[in-house]
Amino acid sequence: MSRNRPGQPARGLALVTWLYVLWSLLPVLIAIRISFNSGKSRSTFQSPSWRWYFTDPLQSVWHDDSLRQPLRNSLKLAALTMLITVPIGVAMAIGLQRWRGKLSKASNGLMLFPLVTPEIVMGVALFLVFTQVYTSVPRGFTTQLLGHITFSISYVVVIVRGRLAAIGPQYEEAARDLGANRMQAMRLVLLPLLGPAIFASLMVVFAGSIDDFVISSFLSTGASSETVPMKIYSSGRATATPALNALATIMLVFTLAAVGLAALVMRRMRMRQGGGDDVQLGNMAAVG
């Protein structure tokens, strides 16, 4: 009876894994291929063309404002959410990591609440808050931005706190022993060490915000604040051209680019991690 050698992956498990991956990707690949159709069919493959991306003067994504506006809204919303959420989340993570008190554990648990709450519950709650309590907040893009920041901060806090727990307090303490004040130790020692976690947080927040549908739709006020997921949902079952597939493909490219860039940078940082201690010691020596 033959057995796999130690460390050799079972061929059956590898086959099942690849079949699952192909089964999951097949609908996406079909939708992408249809976006390159030269005709208007969304059910059959036609000769490849860039018509629905930019060559059609009326119905392509590049020329149709009803498709460009949701794309602009999604990118603007994701970019602002990323730039606002990550600094706040990093500051909160550092504060929660250093907080020692009776309420610290309760605060840490409360920070995980948005992660375990169903998104539709979060969307309804935010809708009621902005329509019944904070009625002075402008509806539409502003409320969408505040909603995205609300559910994204927890991801940043969890990622950064994991990094803080891994590096420990010894580098900051060494910098303080060499004469640095708190701000110098944080700026020259702690923040460079948090670089991988901060970058990962930026990409995770961007990818999560640009793909969000539930909260964006609850806080939207119409076409002026419509995002790409909302546009795809509202037009997907109606009679539409492959331009909708092209719009979805562009969205997919942005999301995969963010995730892929994060994975690449994290990999390079891990490869250079061996020399990271020397860099931080150099920074601390410069402070001293």
C-alpha atoms as a PDB file:
ATOM      1  CA  MET A   1       0.000   0.000   0.000  1.00  0.00           C
ATOM      2  CA  SER A   2       1.611   3.238  -1.196  1.00  0.00           C
ATOM      3  CA  ARG A   3       1.727   6.245   1.034  1.00  0.00           C
ATOM      4  CA  ASN A   4       2.684   9.840   0.445  1.00  0.00           C
ATOM      5  CA  ARG A   5       6.137  10.795   1.602  1.00  0.00           C
ATOM      6  CA  PRO A   6       6.350  13.084   4.634  1.00  0.00           C
ATOM      7  CA  GLY A   7       5.708  16.644   3.518  1.00  0.00           C
ATOM      8  CA  GLN A   8       4.370  15.612   0.099  1.00  0.00           C
ATOM      9  CA  PRO A   9       0.873  17.049  -0.463  1.00  0.00           C
ATOM     10  CA  ALA A  10      -1.873  14.559  -1.097  1.00  0.00           C
ATOM     11  CA  ARG A  11      -2.769  14.640  -4.773  1.00  0.00           C
ATOM     12  CA  GLY A  12      -6.450  14.194  -4.046  1.00  0.00           C
ATOM     13  CA  LEU A  13      -6.582  17.224  -1.784  1.00  0.00           C
ATOM     14  CA  ALA A  14      -4.644  19.294  -4.306  1.00  0.00           C
ATOM     15  CA  LEU A  15      -7.062  18.250  -7.043  1.00  0.00           C
ATOM     16  CA  VAL A  16     -10.104  19.164  -4.951  1.00  0.00           C
ATOM     17  CA  THR A  17      -8.546  22.528  -4.115  1.00  0.00           C
ATOM     18  CA  TRP A  18      -7.860  23.393  -7.754  1.00  0.00           C
ATOM     19  CA  LEU A  19     -11.333  22.281  -8.818  1.00  0.00           C
ATOM     20  CA  TYR A  20     -12.844  24.538  -6.176  1.00  0.00           C
ATOM     21  CA  VAL A  21     -10.699  27.477  -7.295  1.00  0.00           C
ATOM     22  CA  LEU A  22     -11.650  26.961 -10.937  1.00  0.00           C
ATOM     23  CA  TRP A  23     -15.335  26.580 -10.051  1.00  0.00           C
ATOM     24  CA  SER A  24     -15.218  29.831  -8.058  1.00  0.00           C
ATOM     25  CA  LEU A  25     -13.364  31.767 -10.745  1.00  0.00           C
ATOM     26  CA  LEU A  26     -15.311  30.494 -13.750  1.00  0.00           C
ATOM     27  CA  PRO A  27     -18.305  32.884 -13.435  1.00  0.00           C
ATOM     28  CA  VAL A  28     -15.940  35.808 -12.923  1.00  0.00           C
ATOM     29  CA  LEU A  29     -13.855  34.872 -15.952  1.00  0.00           C
ATOM     30  CA  ILE A  30     -16.984  34.512 -18.092  1.00  0.00           C
ATOM     31  CA  ALA A  31     -18.219  37.946 -17.010  1.00  0.00           C
ATOM     32  CA  ILE A  32     -14.828  39.461 -17.806  1.00  0.00           C
ATOM     33  CA  ARG A  33     -14.724  37.829 -21.231  1.00  0.00           C
ATOM     34  CA  ILE A  34     -18.204  39.128 -22.089  1.00  0.00           C
ATOM     35  CA  SER A  35     -17.053  42.652 -21.241  1.00  0.00           C
ATOM     36  CA  PHE A  36     -14.805  42.418 -24.313  1.00  0.00           C
ATOM     37  CA  ASN A  37     -17.635  41.490 -26.691  1.00  0.00           C
ATOM     38  CA  SER A  38     -17.857  43.603 -29.816  1.00  0.00           C
ATOM     39  CA  GLY A  39     -21.683  43.284 -29.837  1.00  0.00           C
ATOM     40  CA  LYS A  40     -24.399  43.789 -27.239  1.00  0.00           C
ATOM     41  CA  SER A  41     -24.849  40.169 -26.223  1.00  0.00           C
ATOM     42  CA  ARG A  42     -24.318  39.341 -22.555  1.00  0.00           C
ATOM     43  CA  SER A  43     -24.969  35.622 -22.975  1.00  0.00           C
ATOM     44  CA  THR A  44     -22.618  34.559 -25.787  1.00  0.00           C
ATOM     45  CA  PHE A  45     -18.997  35.193 -26.642  1.00  0.00           C
ATOM     46  CA  GLN A  46     -18.341  37.523 -29.561  1.00  0.00           C
ATOM     47  CA  SER A  47     -15.196  38.819 -31.201  1.00  0.00           C
ATOM     48  CA  PRO A  48     -13.008  40.678 -28.677  1.00  0.00           C
ATOM     49  CA  SER A  49     -13.131  44.448 -28.626  1.00  0.00           C
ATOM     50  CA  TRP A  50     -12.532  47.428 -26.327  1.00  0.00           C
ATOM     51  CA  ARG A  51     -15.909  48.833 -27.329  1.00  0.00           C
ATOM     52  CA  TRP A  52     -17.520  48.795 -23.901  1.00  0.00           C
ATOM     53  CA  TYR A  53     -14.465  50.240 -22.180  1.00  0.00           C
ATOM     54  CA  PHE A  54     -13.716  53.324 -24.280  1.00  0.00           C
ATOM     55  CA  THR A  55     -14.210  52.983 -28.062  1.00  0.00           C
ATOM     56  CA  ASP A  56     -18.013  53.252 -28.152  1.00  0.00           C
ATOM     57  CA  PRO A  57     -18.744  57.016 -28.254  1.00  0.00           C
ATOM     58  CA  LEU A  58     -22.004  56.742 -26.306  1.00  0.00           C
ATOM     59  CA  GLN A  59     -22.321  53.550 -24.258  1.00  0.00           C
ATOM     60  CA  SER A  60     -18.783  52.738 -23.131  1.00  0.00           C
ATOM     61  CA  VAL A  61     -17.679  53.251 -19.541  1.00  0.00           C
ATOM     62  CA  TRP A  62     -15.388  56.072 -20.625  1.00  0.00           C
ATOM     63  CA  HIS A  63     -18.165  58.047 -22.359  1.00  0.00           C
ATOM     64  CA  ASP A  64     -21.354  57.099 -20.460  1.00  0.00           C
ATOM     65  CA  ASP A  65     -21.670  59.385 -17.441  1.00  0.00           C
ATOM     66  CA  SER A  66     -24.190  57.031 -15.791  1.00  0.00           C
ATOM     67  CA  LEU A  67     -21.320  54.525 -15.558  1.00  0.00           C
ATOM     68  CA  ARG A  68     -18.475  56.941 -14.904  1.00  0.00           C
ATOM     69  CA  GLN A  69     -20.222  58.651 -11.984  1.00  0.00           C
ATOM     70  CA  PRO A  70     -20.568  55.482  -9.855  1.00  0.00           C
ATOM     71  CA  LEU A  71     -16.918  54.651 -10.572  1.00  0.00           C
ATOM     72  CA  ARG A  72     -15.818  58.117  -9.488  1.00  0.00           C
ATOM     73  CA  ASN A  73     -17.974  57.884  -6.383  1.00  0.00           C
ATOM     74  CA  SER A  74     -16.564  54.484  -5.420  1.00  0.00           C
ATOM     75  CA  LEU A  75     -12.926  55.519  -5.894  1.00  0.00           C
ATOM     76  CA  LYS A  76     -13.398  58.828  -4.082  1.00  0.00           C
ATOM     77  CA  LEU A  77     -15.237  57.154  -1.213  1.00  0.00           C
ATOM     78  CA  ALA A  78     -12.637  54.395  -0.855  1.00  0.00           C
ATOM     79  CA  ALA A  79      -9.694  56.822  -1.032  1.00  0.00           C
ATOM     80  CA  LEU A  80     -11.090  59.219   1.576  1.00  0.00           C
ATOM     81  CA  THR A  81     -12.129  56.351   3.847  1.00  0.00           C
ATOM     82  CA  MET A  82      -8.597  54.960   3.659  1.00  0.00           C
ATOM     83  CA  LEU A  83      -6.881  58.306   4.325  1.00  0.00           C
ATOM     84  CA  ILE A  84      -9.128  59.188   7.280  1.00  0.00           C
ATOM     85  CA  THR A  85      -9.613  55.769   8.874  1.00  0.00           C
ATOM     86  CA  VAL A  86      -6.026  54.520   9.018  1.00  0.00           C
ATOM     87  CA  PRO A  87      -4.508  57.421  11.043  1.00  0.00           C
ATOM     88  CA  ILE A  88      -7.422  57.295  13.493  1.00  0.00           C
ATOM     89  CA  GLY A  89      -7.203  53.504  13.732  1.00  0.00           C
ATOM     90  CA  VAL A  90      -3.437  53.556  14.326  1.00  0.00           C
ATOM     91  CA  ALA A  91      -3.821  56.107  17.118  1.00  0.00           C
ATOM     92  CA  MET A  92      -6.627  54.074  18.692  1.00  0.00           C
ATOM     93  CA  ALA A  93      -4.602  50.862  18.463  1.00  0.00           C
ATOM     94  CA  ILE A  94      -1.622  52.435  20.215  1.00  0.00           C
ATOM     95  CA  GLY A  95      -3.872  53.894  22.901  1.00  0.00           C
ATOM     96  CA  LEU A  96      -5.749  50.646  23.521  1.00  0.00           C
ATOM     97  CA  GLN A  97      -2.486  48.669  23.611  1.00  0.00           C
ATOM     98  CA  ARG A  98      -1.124  50.931  26.354  1.00  0.00           C
ATOM     99  CA  TRP A  99      -4.341  51.422  28.294  1.00  0.00           C
ATOM    100  CA  ARG A 100      -4.241  49.676  31.638  1.00  0.00           C
ATOM    101  CA  GLY A 101      -7.464  49.979  33.580  1.00  0.00           C
ATOM    102  CA  LYS A 102     -10.719  48.325  34.545  1.00  0.00           C
ATOM    103  CA  LEU A 103     -12.452  49.342  31.342  1.00  0.00           C
ATOM    104  CA  SER A 104      -9.627  48.437  28.965  1.00  0.00           C
ATOM    105  CA  LYS A 105     -10.857  44.884  28.320  1.00  0.00           C
ATOM    106  CA  ALA A 106     -14.406  46.104  27.751  1.00  0.00           C
ATOM    107  CA  SER A 107     -13.116  48.698  25.282  1.00  0.00           C
ATOM    108  CA  ASN A 108     -11.110  46.068  23.447  1.00  0.00           C
ATOM    109  CA  GLY A 109     -14.194  43.884  23.140  1.00  0.00           C
ATOM    110  CA  LEU A 110     -16.313  46.807  21.991  1.00  0.00           C
ATOM    111  CA  MET A 111     -13.791  47.530  19.242  1.00  0.00           C
ATOM    112  CA  LEU A 112     -14.509  44.088  17.765  1.00  0.00           C
ATOM    113  CA  PHE A 113     -18.254  44.720  17.699  1.00  0.00           C
ATOM    114  CA  PRO A 114     -18.378  46.041  14.087  1.00  0.00           C
ATOM    115  CA  LEU A 115     -16.492  42.946  12.906  1.00  0.00           C
ATOM    116  CA  VAL A 116     -19.092  40.496  14.223  1.00  0.00           C
ATOM    117  CA  THR A 117     -22.200  42.566  13.520  1.00  0.00           C
ATOM    118  CA  PRO A 118     -24.051  41.593  10.311  1.00  0.00           C
ATOM    119  CA  GLU A 119     -23.527  44.304   7.735  1.00  0.00           C
ATOM    120  CA  ILE A 120     -27.240  44.774   7.136  1.00  0.00           C
ATOM    121  CA  VAL A 121     -27.724  45.448  10.866  1.00  0.00           C
ATOM    122  CA  MET A 122     -24.915  47.991  10.748  1.00  0.00           C
ATOM    123  CA  GLY A 123     -26.472  49.601   7.671  1.00  0.00           C
ATOM    124  CA  VAL A 124     -29.908  49.908   9.265  1.00  0.00           C
ATOM    125  CA  ALA A 125     -28.399  51.278  12.485  1.00  0.00           C
ATOM    126  CA  LEU A 126     -26.390  53.920  10.646  1.00  0.00           C
ATOM    127  CA  PHE A 127     -29.423  54.869   8.564  1.00  0.00           C
ATOM    128  CA  LEU A 128     -31.507  55.408  11.692  1.00  0.00           C
ATOM    129  CA  VAL A 129     -28.720  57.369  13.367  1.00  0.00           C
ATOM    130  CA  PHE A 130     -28.355  59.804  10.470  1.00  0.00           C
ATOM    131  CA  THR A 131     -32.101  60.182   9.877  1.00  0.00           C
ATOM    132  CA  GLN A 132     -33.255  60.362  13.500  1.00  0.00           C
ATOM    133  CA  VAL A 133     -30.342  61.650  15.587  1.00  0.00           C
ATOM    134  CA  TYR A 134     -27.682  63.435  13.519  1.00  0.00           C
ATOM    135  CA  THR A 135     -30.131  65.054  11.140  1.00  0.00           C
ATOM    136  CA  SER A 136     -27.815  68.000  10.473  1.00  0.00           C
ATOM    137  CA  VAL A 137     -25.251  65.786   8.732  1.00  0.00           C
ATOM    138  CA  PRO A 138     -25.622  66.149   4.939  1.00  0.00           C
ATOM    139  CA  ARG A 139     -27.169  63.039   3.442  1.00  0.00           C
ATOM    140  CA  GLY A 140     -25.504  61.183   0.593  1.00  0.00           C
ATOM    141  CA  PHE A 141     -21.745  61.093   0.166  1.00  0.00           C
ATOM    142  CA  THR A 142     -21.017  62.544   3.628  1.00  0.00           C
ATOM    143  CA  THR A 143     -23.073  59.943   5.470  1.00  0.00           C
ATOM    144  CA  GLN A 144     -21.629  57.190   3.267  1.00  0.00           C
ATOM    145  CA  LEU A 145     -18.122  58.333   4.178  1.00  0.00           C
ATOM    146  CA  LEU A 146     -18.917  58.392   7.897  1.00  0.00           C
ATOM    147  CA  GLY A 147     -20.514  54.949   7.619  1.00  0.00           C
ATOM    148  CA  HIS A 148     -17.484  53.464   5.877  1.00  0.00           C
ATOM    149  CA  ILE A 149     -15.158  54.991   8.466  1.00  0.00           C
ATOM    150  CA  THR A 150     -17.283  53.511  11.252  1.00  0.00           C
ATOM    151  CA  PHE A 151     -17.079  49.911  10.065  1.00  0.00           C
ATOM    152  CA  SER A 152     -13.468  50.154   8.801  1.00  0.00           C
ATOM    153  CA  ILE A 153     -11.729  51.419  11.939  1.00  0.00           C
ATOM    154  CA  SER A 154     -11.983  48.024  13.648  1.00  0.00           C
ATOM    155  CA  TYR A 155      -9.960  46.364  10.883  1.00  0.00           C
ATOM    156  CA  VAL A 156      -7.160  48.889  11.321  1.00  0.00           C
ATOM    157  CA  VAL A 157      -7.139  48.509  15.104  1.00  0.00           C
ATOM    158  CA  VAL A 158      -6.986  44.706  14.928  1.00  0.00           C
ATOM    159  CA  ILE A 159      -4.171  44.684  12.339  1.00  0.00           C
ATOM    160  CA  VAL A 160      -2.044  47.317  14.082  1.00  0.00           C
ATOM    161  CA  ARG A 161      -2.561  45.860  17.552  1.00  0.00           C
ATOM    162  CA  GLY A 162      -1.387  42.493  16.279  1.00  0.00           C
ATOM    163  CA  ARG A 163       1.814  44.137  15.082  1.00  0.00           C
ATOM    164  CA  LEU A 164       2.225  46.028  18.372  1.00  0.00           C
ATOM    165  CA  ALA A 165       1.898  42.794  20.339  1.00  0.00           C
ATOM    166  CA  ALA A 166       4.535  41.171  18.113  1.00  0.00           C
ATOM    167  CA  ILE A 167       7.213  43.871  18.405  1.00  0.00           C
ATOM    168  CA  GLY A 168       6.719  44.552  22.127  1.00  0.00           C
ATOM    169  CA  PRO A 169       7.729  47.683  24.028  1.00  0.00           C
ATOM    170  CA  GLN A 170      11.491  47.094  24.122  1.00  0.00           C
ATOM    171  CA  TYR A 171      12.426  49.277  21.142  1.00  0.00           C
ATOM    172  CA  GLU A 172      10.631  52.327  22.485  1.00  0.00           C
ATOM    173  CA  GLU A 173      12.111  51.734  25.921  1.00  0.00           C
ATOM    174  CA  ALA A 174      15.599  51.538  24.418  1.00  0.00           C
ATOM    175  CA  ALA A 175      15.018  54.786  22.543  1.00  0.00           C
ATOM    176  CA  ARG A 176      13.861  56.478  25.744  1.00  0.00           C
ATOM    177  CA  ASP A 177      16.983  55.201  27.521  1.00  0.00           C
ATOM    178  CA  LEU A 178      19.079  56.821  24.773  1.00  0.00           C
ATOM    179  CA  GLY A 179      17.477  60.193  25.423  1.00  0.00           C
ATOM    180  CA  ALA A 180      14.473  60.309  23.101  1.00  0.00           C
ATOM    181  CA  ASN A 181      11.213  61.779  24.302  1.00  0.00           C
ATOM    182  CA  ARG A 182       7.886  60.047  23.693  1.00  0.00           C
ATOM    183  CA  MET A 183       7.207  61.708  20.338  1.00  0.00           C
ATOM    184  CA  GLN A 184      10.722  61.026  19.031  1.00  0.00           C
ATOM    185  CA  ALA A 185      10.523  57.377  20.070  1.00  0.00           C
ATOM    186  CA  MET A 186       7.166  57.017  18.363  1.00  0.00           C
ATOM    187  CA  ARG A 187       8.186  58.841  15.172  1.00  0.00           C
ATOM    188  CA  LEU A 188      11.650  57.345  14.706  1.00  0.00           C
ATOM    189  CA  VAL A 189      11.179  53.858  16.157  1.00  0.00           C
ATOM    190  CA  LEU A 190       7.585  52.759  16.622  1.00  0.00           C
ATOM    191  CA  LEU A 191       6.009  54.028  13.399  1.00  0.00           C
ATOM    192  CA  PRO A 192       8.709  52.497  11.135  1.00  0.00           C
ATOM    193  CA  LEU A 193       8.162  49.184  12.884  1.00  0.00           C
ATOM    194  CA  LEU A 194       4.426  49.544  12.299  1.00  0.00           C
ATOM    195  CA  GLY A 195       4.991  50.230   8.591  1.00  0.00           C
ATOM    196  CA  PRO A 196       3.858  46.784   7.337  1.00  0.00           C
ATOM    197  CA  ALA A 197       0.704  46.872   9.480  1.00  0.00           C
ATOM    198  CA  ILE A 198      -0.119  50.433   8.425  1.00  0.00           C
ATOM    199  CA  PHE A 199       0.285  49.603   4.747  1.00  0.00           C
ATOM    200  CA  ALA A 200      -1.779  46.443   5.117  1.00  0.00           C
ATOM    201  CA  SER A 201      -4.478  48.483   6.848  1.00  0.00           C
ATOM    202  CA  LEU A 202      -4.527  50.986   3.982  1.00  0.00           C
ATOM    203  CA  MET A 203      -5.089  48.251   1.415  1.00  0.00           C
ATOM    204  CA  VAL A 204      -7.655  46.334   3.472  1.00  0.00           C
ATOM    205  CA  VAL A 205      -9.705  49.482   4.106  1.00  0.00           C
ATOM    206  CA  PHE A 206      -9.526  50.487   0.441  1.00  0.00           C
ATOM    207  CA  ALA A 207     -10.591  47.036  -0.775  1.00  0.00           C
ATOM    208  CA  GLY A 208     -13.403  46.792   1.786  1.00  0.00           C
ATOM    209  CA  SER A 209     -14.751  50.260   1.074  1.00  0.00           C
ATOM    210  CA  ILE A 210     -14.683  50.060  -2.713  1.00  0.00           C
ATOM    211  CA  ASP A 211     -16.612  46.763  -2.649  1.00  0.00           C
ATOM    212  CA  ASP A 212     -19.192  47.720  -0.030  1.00  0.00           C
ATOM    213  CA  PHE A 213     -22.827  47.553  -1.068  1.00  0.00           C
ATOM    214  CA  VAL A 214     -25.107  47.365   1.982  1.00  0.00           C
ATOM    215  CA  ILE A 215     -23.979  50.426   3.924  1.00  0.00           C
ATOM    216  CA  SER A 216     -23.489  52.493   0.764  1.00  0.00           C
ATOM    217  CA  SER A 217     -27.019  51.719  -0.424  1.00  0.00           C
ATOM    218  CA  PHE A 218     -28.633  52.461   2.959  1.00  0.00           C
ATOM    219  CA  LEU A 219     -26.909  55.854   3.169  1.00  0.00           C
ATOM    220  CA  SER A 220     -27.288  56.819  -0.481  1.00  0.00           C
ATOM    221  CA  THR A 221     -29.683  59.517  -1.641  1.00  0.00           C
ATOM    222  CA  GLY A 222     -29.827  58.735  -5.360  1.00  0.00           C
ATOM    223  CA  ALA A 223     -27.735  58.750  -8.503  1.00  0.00           C
ATOM    224  CA  SER A 224     -25.385  61.445  -7.184  1.00  0.00           C
ATOM    225  CA  SER A 225     -24.121  59.075  -4.464  1.00  0.00           C
ATOM    226  CA  GLU A 226     -24.480  55.786  -6.342  1.00  0.00           C
ATOM    227  CA  THR A 227     -21.465  53.469  -6.198  1.00  0.00           C
ATOM    228  CA  VAL A 228     -20.372  50.711  -8.563  1.00  0.00           C
ATOM    229  CA  PRO A 229     -21.831  47.823  -6.470  1.00  0.00           C
ATOM    230  CA  MET A 230     -25.147  49.689  -6.316  1.00  0.00           C
ATOM    231  CA  LYS A 231     -25.074  50.311 -10.071  1.00  0.00           C
ATOM    232  CA  ILE A 232     -24.347  46.659 -10.822  1.00  0.00           C
ATOM    233  CA  TYR A 233     -27.125  45.497  -8.492  1.00  0.00           C
ATOM    234  CA  SER A 234     -29.736  47.866  -9.904  1.00  0.00           C
ATOM    235  CA  SER A 235     -28.870  47.211 -13.573  1.00  0.00           C
ATOM    236  CA  GLY A 236     -27.626  43.631 -13.519  1.00  0.00           C
ATOM    237  CA  ARG A 237     -30.983  41.957 -14.197  1.00  0.00           C
ATOM    238  CA  ALA A 238     -32.296  44.607 -16.530  1.00  0.00           C
ATOM    239  CA  THR A 239     -31.569  44.698 -20.237  1.00  0.00           C
ATOM    240  CA  ALA A 240     -28.044  46.079 -20.286  1.00  0.00           C
ATOM    241  CA  THR A 241     -24.992  46.084 -22.510  1.00  0.00           C
ATOM    242  CA  PRO A 242     -21.621  44.491 -21.730  1.00  0.00           C
ATOM    243  CA  ALA A 243     -20.588  47.946 -20.515  1.00  0.00           C
ATOM    244  CA  LEU A 244     -21.881  46.832 -17.119  1.00  0.00           C
ATOM    245  CA  ASN A 245     -19.486  43.875 -17.279  1.00  0.00           C
ATOM    246  CA  ALA A 246     -16.705  46.283 -18.203  1.00  0.00           C
ATOM    247  CA  LEU A 247     -17.529  48.439 -15.182  1.00  0.00           C
ATOM    248  CA  ALA A 248     -17.470  45.382 -12.912  1.00  0.00           C
ATOM    249  CA  THR A 249     -14.145  44.301 -14.429  1.00  0.00           C
ATOM    250  CA  ILE A 250     -12.603  47.714 -13.744  1.00  0.00           C
ATOM    251  CA  MET A 251     -13.803  47.483 -10.148  1.00  0.00           C
ATOM    252  CA  LEU A 252     -12.311  43.994  -9.848  1.00  0.00           C
ATOM    253  CA  VAL A 253      -8.974  45.228 -11.191  1.00  0.00           C
ATOM    254  CA  PHE A 254      -8.804  48.001  -8.591  1.00  0.00           C
ATOM    255  CA  THR A 255      -9.644  45.576  -5.775  1.00  0.00           C
ATOM    256  CA  LEU A 256      -7.149  42.922  -6.877  1.00  0.00           C
ATOM    257  CA  ALA A 257      -4.477  45.566  -7.411  1.00  0.00           C
ATOM    258  CA  ALA A 258      -4.918  46.804  -3.828  1.00  0.00           C
ATOM    259  CA  VAL A 259      -4.804  43.308  -2.351  1.00  0.00           C
ATOM    260  CA  GLY A 260      -1.926  42.214  -4.600  1.00  0.00           C
ATOM    261  CA  LEU A 261       0.105  45.321  -3.789  1.00  0.00           C
ATOM    262  CA  ALA A 262      -0.437  44.738  -0.084  1.00  0.00           C
ATOM    263  CA  ALA A 263       0.687  41.108  -0.383  1.00  0.00           C
ATOM    264  CA  LEU A 264       3.775  42.093  -2.401  1.00  0.00           C
ATOM    265  CA  VAL A 265       4.851  44.813   0.003  1.00  0.00           C
ATOM    266  CA  MET A 266       4.263  42.596   3.022  1.00  0.00           C
ATOM    267  CA  ARG A 267       6.360  39.861   1.440  1.00  0.00           C
ATOM    268  CA  ARG A 268       9.229  42.252   0.723  1.00  0.00           C
ATOM    269  CA  MET A 269       9.050  43.626   4.243  1.00  0.00           C
ATOM    270  CA  ARG A 270       9.188  40.128   5.712  1.00  0.00           C
ATOM    271  CA  MET A 271      12.232  39.351   3.581  1.00  0.00           C
ATOM    272  CA  ARG A 272      13.943  42.463   4.896  1.00  0.00           C
ATOM    273  CA  GLN A 273      12.833  41.864   8.452  1.00  0.00           C
ATOM    274  CA  GLY A 274      16.142  40.290   9.326  1.00  0.00           C
ATOM    275  CA  GLY A 275      17.846  43.636   8.927  1.00  0.00           C
ATOM    276  CA  GLY A 276      15.080  45.567  10.602  1.00  0.00           C
ATOM    277  CA  ASP A 277      16.645  45.388  14.046  1.00  0.00           C
ATOM    278  CA  ASP A 278      19.828  47.007  12.772  1.00  0.00           C
ATOM    279  CA  VAL A 279      17.827  49.825  11.203  1.00  0.00           C
ATOM    280  CA  GLN A 280      15.952  50.518  14.426  1.00  0.00           C
ATOM    281  CA  LEU A 281      19.169  50.439  16.451  1.00  0.00           C
ATOM    282  CA  GLY A 282      20.598  52.988  14.026  1.00  0.00           C
ATOM    283  CA  ASN A 283      17.552  55.216  14.525  1.00  0.00           C
ATOM    284  CA  MET A 284      17.873  54.957  18.275  1.00  0.00           C
ATOM    285  CA  ALA A 285      21.583  55.759  18.093  1.00  0.00           C
ATOM    286  CA  ALA A 286      20.796  58.831  16.012  1.00  0.00           C
ATOM    287  CA  VAL A 287      18.263  59.945  18.624  1.00  0.00           C
ATOM    288  CA  GLY A 288      20.804  59.504  21.371  1.00  0.00           C
END
